Amino acid sequence: MKYFNLSIIFLLSLRAVSFADTFVPYYGFTEYSDSLKDESKNYGLYYSSENTKMLIDYQDVTYTQDNNISSDINTSGFSQTNIAFQYNFNSSDSTSFHTTINYINSSNNDYDGAYIATVGVKEKFSSFDLGLNYSYSKYDNTLVSTVQQFSPSLSFSFGDYKSLMGNYNVKILSDLIYPSTNTNINGLSSNYSSYGISLTQNKGNFQNSIQYYSGDHIFAVRDDGMSVQNFEDIYKNSLSLSCKYNFSKTTSMQISHIRKDFVEYGSTSEMKLANTILFLYYNF
């Protein structure tokens, strides 16, 4: 059993647009503090149409050259590719459903070949929206065999983007996570829960967002199944900021910065990471 873990597939908070097709290439860089991981880079392509979303994300992680790392792993690092596909359909003007399939291919055999399936529903009311996702993750070689997750959410909007203050969207969400193991694993709980809140402002050509998460979470599935944390690092608190600018109706740029506290499996010390991602939007 390895006592260190992999890095995350970074979360994409890509907003819906009114165009039929959207292409979003992106590049991200992460630095770690007090961790066996030194740094990581990830880049990929996100595509969205009226009913479908697709994501291809490639990540390369470098380990700290620490003599205490077990000799049975590649201390130079690892790479992995995440492929996700989502289909959306509306059953009425107020009710929509989505299903997402996510596959992870990793050069680290412990996490290679993971499959994640997500189904969800969203209901629009006059003054707010409700959502609920269910995710099922299947792992063959890591400490868990399966993970189930329930993610309810509530969102509402107020204000006018043409006004002095702009339009605001508030989203409150929760992740209830239940990992299942074939044996009793020390330090791994049978359930985890985290809670988050985000605030997004739309004002003129700008879209500004802030999001905060609190509570322990592990093997988390986010963004309606499009992004996955596929290893045993226990994440604590996180804060993310982003700013998007629309150069025209077809071209935008977004920069996001995320800070997270986490504990690597087998450790009791809290570690930190800082991730910055640049997105370019092309709408057609």
Protein backbone atom coordinates (compact mmCIF):
# COMPACT_ATOMS: atom_id res chain seq x y z
CA MET A 1 0.00 0.00 0.00
CA LYS A 2 1.35 3.39 -0.99
CA TYR A 3 1.40 6.06 1.71
CA PHE A 4 1.28 9.04 -0.60
CA ASN A 5 -1.41 10.04 -3.07
CA LEU A 6 -2.14 11.66 -6.34
CA SER A 7 -3.04 15.21 -7.19
CA ILE A 8 -6.50 16.39 -8.18
CA ILE A 9 -8.26 16.94 -11.46
CA PHE A 10 -8.88 20.64 -11.09
CA LEU A 11 -12.42 21.86 -10.93
CA LEU A 12 -13.82 23.85 -13.83
CA SER A 13 -16.56 26.34 -13.08
CA LEU A 14 -17.49 27.00 -16.69
CA ARG A 15 -20.65 29.05 -17.01
CA ALA A 16 -23.44 28.43 -19.45
CA VAL A 17 -23.56 30.64 -22.54
CA SER A 18 -26.24 31.30 -25.15
CA PHE A 19 -24.17 30.08 -28.12
CA ALA A 20 -24.64 26.70 -29.76
CA ASP A 21 -20.98 25.73 -29.37
CA THR A 22 -18.24 26.81 -26.95
CA PHE A 23 -14.58 25.73 -27.02
CA VAL A 24 -12.44 26.43 -23.95
CA PRO A 25 -8.71 25.56 -23.99
CA TYR A 26 -7.04 26.10 -20.61
CA TYR A 27 -3.73 25.82 -18.78
CA GLY A 28 -3.12 25.53 -15.02
CA PHE A 29 -0.19 25.46 -12.63
CA THR A 30 -0.17 24.26 -8.99
CA GLU A 31 2.37 24.66 -6.20
CA TYR A 32 2.28 22.55 -3.01
CA SER A 33 3.48 23.41 0.50
CA ASP A 34 4.71 20.78 3.03
CA SER A 35 3.66 17.99 0.64
CA LEU A 36 5.36 15.06 -1.07
CA LYS A 37 4.10 16.64 -4.27
CA ASP A 38 6.22 19.51 -5.54
CA GLU A 39 4.23 21.00 -8.41
CA SER A 40 1.81 20.04 -11.15
CA LYS A 41 0.67 21.33 -14.51
CA ASN A 42 -2.60 20.61 -16.22
CA TYR A 43 -4.08 21.62 -19.54
CA GLY A 44 -6.98 20.54 -21.63
CA LEU A 45 -9.99 21.35 -23.74
CA TYR A 46 -13.62 21.84 -22.71
CA TYR A 47 -16.45 21.77 -25.26
CA SER A 48 -20.10 22.64 -24.71
CA SER A 49 -23.08 22.56 -27.06
CA GLU A 50 -26.81 22.82 -26.47
CA ASN A 51 -27.17 19.29 -25.06
CA THR A 52 -23.64 17.96 -24.56
CA LYS A 53 -20.42 18.77 -22.72
CA MET A 54 -17.02 17.14 -23.18
CA LEU A 55 -13.72 17.50 -21.33
CA ILE A 56 -10.20 16.21 -21.95
CA ASP A 57 -7.78 17.10 -19.15
CA TYR A 58 -4.10 16.13 -18.97
CA GLN A 59 -2.10 16.53 -15.74
CA ASP A 60 1.57 16.08 -14.97
CA VAL A 61 2.73 15.97 -11.33
CA THR A 62 6.28 16.16 -9.97
CA TYR A 63 7.16 14.68 -6.57
CA THR A 64 9.46 16.22 -4.02
CA GLN A 65 12.76 14.34 -4.02
CA ASP A 66 12.33 12.99 -0.49
CA ASN A 67 14.36 10.01 0.73
CA ASN A 68 11.41 8.93 2.89
CA ILE A 69 9.27 8.14 -0.15
CA SER A 70 8.74 4.41 -0.56
CA SER A 71 11.18 2.80 -2.98
CA ASP A 72 8.39 1.04 -4.90
CA ILE A 73 7.12 4.20 -6.61
CA ASN A 74 8.42 6.43 -9.37
CA THR A 75 9.71 9.47 -7.49
CA SER A 76 9.96 11.53 -10.67
CA GLY A 77 6.17 11.90 -10.75
CA PHE A 78 3.20 10.70 -12.76
CA SER A 79 0.75 11.81 -15.41
CA GLN A 80 -2.93 11.15 -15.97
CA THR A 81 -5.70 11.94 -18.43
CA ASN A 82 -9.33 12.60 -17.53
CA ILE A 83 -12.03 12.19 -20.21
CA ALA A 84 -15.61 13.24 -19.43
CA PHE A 85 -18.83 13.35 -21.45
CA GLN A 86 -22.18 14.79 -20.35
CA TYR A 87 -25.61 14.74 -21.98
CA ASN A 88 -28.42 17.10 -20.93
CA PHE A 89 -32.10 16.94 -21.77
CA ASN A 90 -35.22 18.84 -20.71
CA SER A 91 -38.44 17.07 -19.75
CA SER A 92 -40.28 20.39 -19.42
CA ASP A 93 -39.57 24.12 -19.32
CA SER A 94 -38.70 23.87 -15.62
CA THR A 95 -37.13 20.39 -15.29
CA SER A 96 -33.85 19.19 -16.78
CA PHE A 97 -31.77 16.04 -16.38
CA HIS A 98 -28.12 15.26 -17.05
CA THR A 99 -25.89 12.21 -17.05
CA THR A 100 -22.08 12.22 -17.06
CA ILE A 101 -19.50 9.49 -17.66
CA ASN A 102 -15.92 10.12 -16.51
CA TYR A 103 -12.88 7.92 -17.19
CA ILE A 104 -9.36 8.35 -15.75
CA ASN A 105 -6.20 6.90 -17.29
CA SER A 106 -3.14 7.23 -15.05
CA SER A 107 0.51 6.21 -15.27
CA ASN A 108 0.18 5.27 -11.57
CA ASN A 109 -1.43 1.81 -11.54
CA ASP A 110 -3.16 2.51 -8.21
CA TYR A 111 -5.52 4.99 -9.88
CA ASP A 112 -5.62 3.80 -13.47
CA GLY A 113 -8.93 2.81 -15.03
CA ALA A 114 -11.34 4.59 -12.69
CA TYR A 115 -14.92 5.04 -13.88
CA ILE A 116 -17.35 7.61 -12.51
CA ALA A 117 -21.02 7.93 -13.46
CA THR A 118 -23.24 10.86 -12.42
CA VAL A 119 -26.96 11.46 -12.88
CA GLY A 120 -28.69 14.64 -11.83
CA VAL A 121 -31.88 16.70 -11.98
CA LYS A 122 -32.49 20.45 -11.80
CA GLU A 123 -35.84 22.08 -11.12
CA LYS A 124 -36.47 25.78 -11.82
CA PHE A 125 -38.94 27.63 -9.65
CA SER A 126 -40.06 31.25 -9.90
CA SER A 127 -37.42 32.61 -7.52
CA PHE A 128 -34.86 29.82 -7.07
CA ASP A 129 -33.48 26.56 -8.52
CA LEU A 130 -32.98 23.19 -6.83
CA GLY A 131 -30.58 20.47 -7.95
CA LEU A 132 -29.56 16.97 -6.90
CA ASN A 133 -26.73 14.79 -8.21
CA TYR A 134 -25.90 11.17 -7.51
CA SER A 135 -22.42 9.87 -8.39
CA TYR A 136 -21.06 6.33 -8.36
CA SER A 137 -17.29 5.83 -8.63
CA LYS A 138 -15.59 2.49 -9.30
CA TYR A 139 -11.90 1.95 -8.45
CA ASP A 140 -9.98 -1.30 -8.98
CA ASN A 141 -6.57 -0.71 -7.40
CA THR A 142 -6.84 2.00 -4.74
CA LEU A 143 -7.87 1.77 -1.07
CA VAL A 144 -11.57 2.01 -1.87
CA SER A 145 -13.61 -0.17 -4.18
CA THR A 146 -16.57 2.14 -4.73
CA VAL A 147 -17.67 5.64 -3.70
CA GLN A 148 -21.22 6.97 -3.64
CA GLN A 149 -21.97 10.69 -3.44
CA PHE A 150 -25.14 12.78 -3.07
CA SER A 151 -24.91 16.49 -3.91
CA PRO A 152 -27.96 18.72 -3.31
CA SER A 153 -27.83 22.40 -4.29
CA LEU A 154 -29.89 25.59 -4.09
CA SER A 155 -29.34 28.70 -6.23
CA PHE A 156 -31.05 32.03 -6.80
CA SER A 157 -30.34 35.28 -8.62
CA PHE A 158 -31.08 38.95 -8.04
CA GLY A 159 -30.21 42.30 -9.58
CA ASP A 160 -29.75 43.53 -13.17
CA TYR A 161 -26.40 43.22 -14.96
CA LYS A 162 -27.02 46.65 -16.55
CA SER A 163 -27.41 48.31 -13.14
CA LEU A 164 -24.63 49.90 -11.08
CA MET A 165 -24.24 46.78 -8.88
CA GLY A 166 -24.92 44.20 -11.58
CA ASN A 167 -26.61 40.81 -11.42
CA TYR A 168 -25.74 38.27 -8.71
CA ASN A 169 -26.14 34.51 -8.50
CA VAL A 170 -25.83 32.70 -5.17
CA LYS A 171 -25.37 28.93 -4.99
CA ILE A 172 -25.36 26.81 -1.83
CA LEU A 173 -24.26 23.21 -2.20
CA SER A 174 -23.26 20.14 -0.25
CA ASP A 175 -21.39 16.89 -0.96
CA LEU A 176 -22.23 13.77 1.07
CA ILE A 177 -19.60 11.11 0.28
CA TYR A 178 -19.65 7.41 1.23
CA PRO A 179 -16.51 5.40 0.34
CA SER A 180 -16.69 1.60 0.54
CA THR A 181 -13.69 -0.65 1.15
CA ASN A 182 -13.17 -4.39 1.09
CA THR A 183 -11.22 -4.20 4.35
CA ASN A 184 -10.99 -1.85 7.33
CA ILE A 185 -8.56 0.93 6.35
CA ASN A 186 -7.03 2.96 9.17
CA GLY A 187 -7.67 6.67 8.82
CA LEU A 188 -10.41 6.27 6.20
CA SER A 189 -13.92 7.16 7.36
CA SER A 190 -17.12 5.59 6.01
CA ASN A 191 -18.62 9.03 5.28
CA TYR A 192 -17.55 12.61 4.61
CA SER A 193 -19.48 15.84 4.15
CA SER A 194 -18.59 19.28 2.87
CA TYR A 195 -20.56 22.46 2.30
CA GLY A 196 -19.96 25.30 -0.09
CA ILE A 197 -21.30 28.68 -1.12
CA SER A 198 -20.52 30.70 -4.23
CA LEU A 199 -21.33 34.24 -5.31
CA THR A 200 -21.11 35.29 -8.97
CA GLN A 201 -21.48 38.87 -10.19
CA ASN A 202 -22.29 39.75 -13.81
CA LYS A 203 -21.58 43.40 -14.54
CA GLY A 204 -21.04 44.70 -18.07
CA ASN A 205 -18.28 42.65 -19.71
CA PHE A 206 -17.09 41.19 -16.40
CA GLN A 207 -18.07 38.09 -14.49
CA ASN A 208 -16.52 37.83 -11.01
CA SER A 209 -16.89 34.80 -8.74
CA ILE A 210 -15.91 33.72 -5.25
CA GLN A 211 -16.48 30.25 -3.77
CA TYR A 212 -15.75 28.80 -0.34
CA TYR A 213 -15.87 25.15 0.76
CA SER A 214 -15.70 23.85 4.32
CA GLY A 215 -15.67 20.32 5.72
CA ASP A 216 -13.71 17.16 4.96
CA HIS A 217 -14.15 15.61 1.52
CA ILE A 218 -12.43 12.75 -0.26
CA PHE A 219 -12.89 11.20 -3.75
CA ALA A 220 -15.15 14.18 -4.47
CA VAL A 221 -17.07 14.50 -7.73
CA ARG A 222 -17.81 18.08 -8.74
CA ASP A 223 -19.25 20.18 -11.59
CA ASP A 224 -22.10 17.76 -12.33
CA GLY A 225 -19.60 14.92 -12.74
CA MET A 226 -17.16 16.70 -15.05
CA SER A 227 -14.29 16.79 -12.52
CA VAL A 228 -13.09 14.18 -10.02
CA GLN A 229 -10.66 13.87 -7.10
CA ASN A 230 -9.51 10.30 -7.67
CA PHE A 231 -7.36 9.56 -4.60
CA GLU A 232 -7.36 9.57 -0.80
CA ASP A 233 -6.12 13.05 0.07
CA ILE A 234 -8.59 14.55 2.55
CA TYR A 235 -9.46 18.13 1.60
CA LYS A 236 -10.47 20.58 4.30
CA ASN A 237 -11.19 24.19 3.38
CA SER A 238 -10.85 25.87 0.00
CA LEU A 239 -11.27 29.36 -1.39
CA SER A 240 -11.44 30.18 -5.09
CA LEU A 241 -11.60 33.49 -6.94
CA SER A 242 -12.15 34.03 -10.65
CA CYS A 243 -12.55 36.89 -13.08
CA LYS A 244 -13.89 36.55 -16.62
CA TYR A 245 -13.83 39.30 -19.24
CA ASN A 246 -15.83 39.26 -22.48
CA PHE A 247 -13.82 40.86 -25.27
CA SER A 248 -16.67 40.31 -27.69
CA LYS A 249 -19.76 38.13 -28.11
CA THR A 250 -17.53 35.28 -29.27
CA THR A 251 -14.29 35.64 -27.27
CA SER A 252 -13.66 35.72 -23.51
CA MET A 253 -10.83 35.11 -21.07
CA GLN A 254 -11.02 33.89 -17.47
CA ILE A 255 -8.40 33.54 -14.75
CA SER A 256 -9.10 31.50 -11.60
CA HIS A 257 -7.08 31.08 -8.43
CA ILE A 258 -7.77 28.33 -5.87
CA ARG A 259 -6.25 27.71 -2.44
CA LYS A 260 -6.88 24.45 -0.59
CA ASP A 261 -5.92 22.84 2.73
CA PHE A 262 -5.51 19.07 2.65
CA VAL A 263 -3.98 16.07 4.43
CA GLU A 264 -2.23 13.32 2.47
CA TYR A 265 -3.18 9.75 3.32
CA GLY A 266 -0.90 8.36 6.04
CA SER A 267 -0.04 11.83 7.35
CA THR A 268 -1.46 13.92 10.19
CA SER A 269 0.03 17.23 9.03
CA GLU A 270 -2.02 19.76 7.10
CA MET A 271 -0.68 20.82 3.70
CA LYS A 272 -1.60 23.52 1.23
CA LEU A 273 -1.84 24.02 -2.49
CA ALA A 274 -2.32 27.05 -4.72
CA ASN A 275 -3.63 26.60 -8.24
CA THR A 276 -4.01 29.18 -11.02
CA ILE A 277 -5.82 28.42 -14.30
CA LEU A 278 -6.21 30.52 -17.45
CA PHE A 279 -9.23 29.83 -19.72
CA LEU A 280 -9.89 31.12 -23.24
CA TYR A 281 -13.51 30.96 -24.47
CA TYR A 282 -14.46 30.77 -28.16
CA ASN A 283 -18.22 30.87 -28.79
CA PHE A 284 -19.81 29.98 -32.14
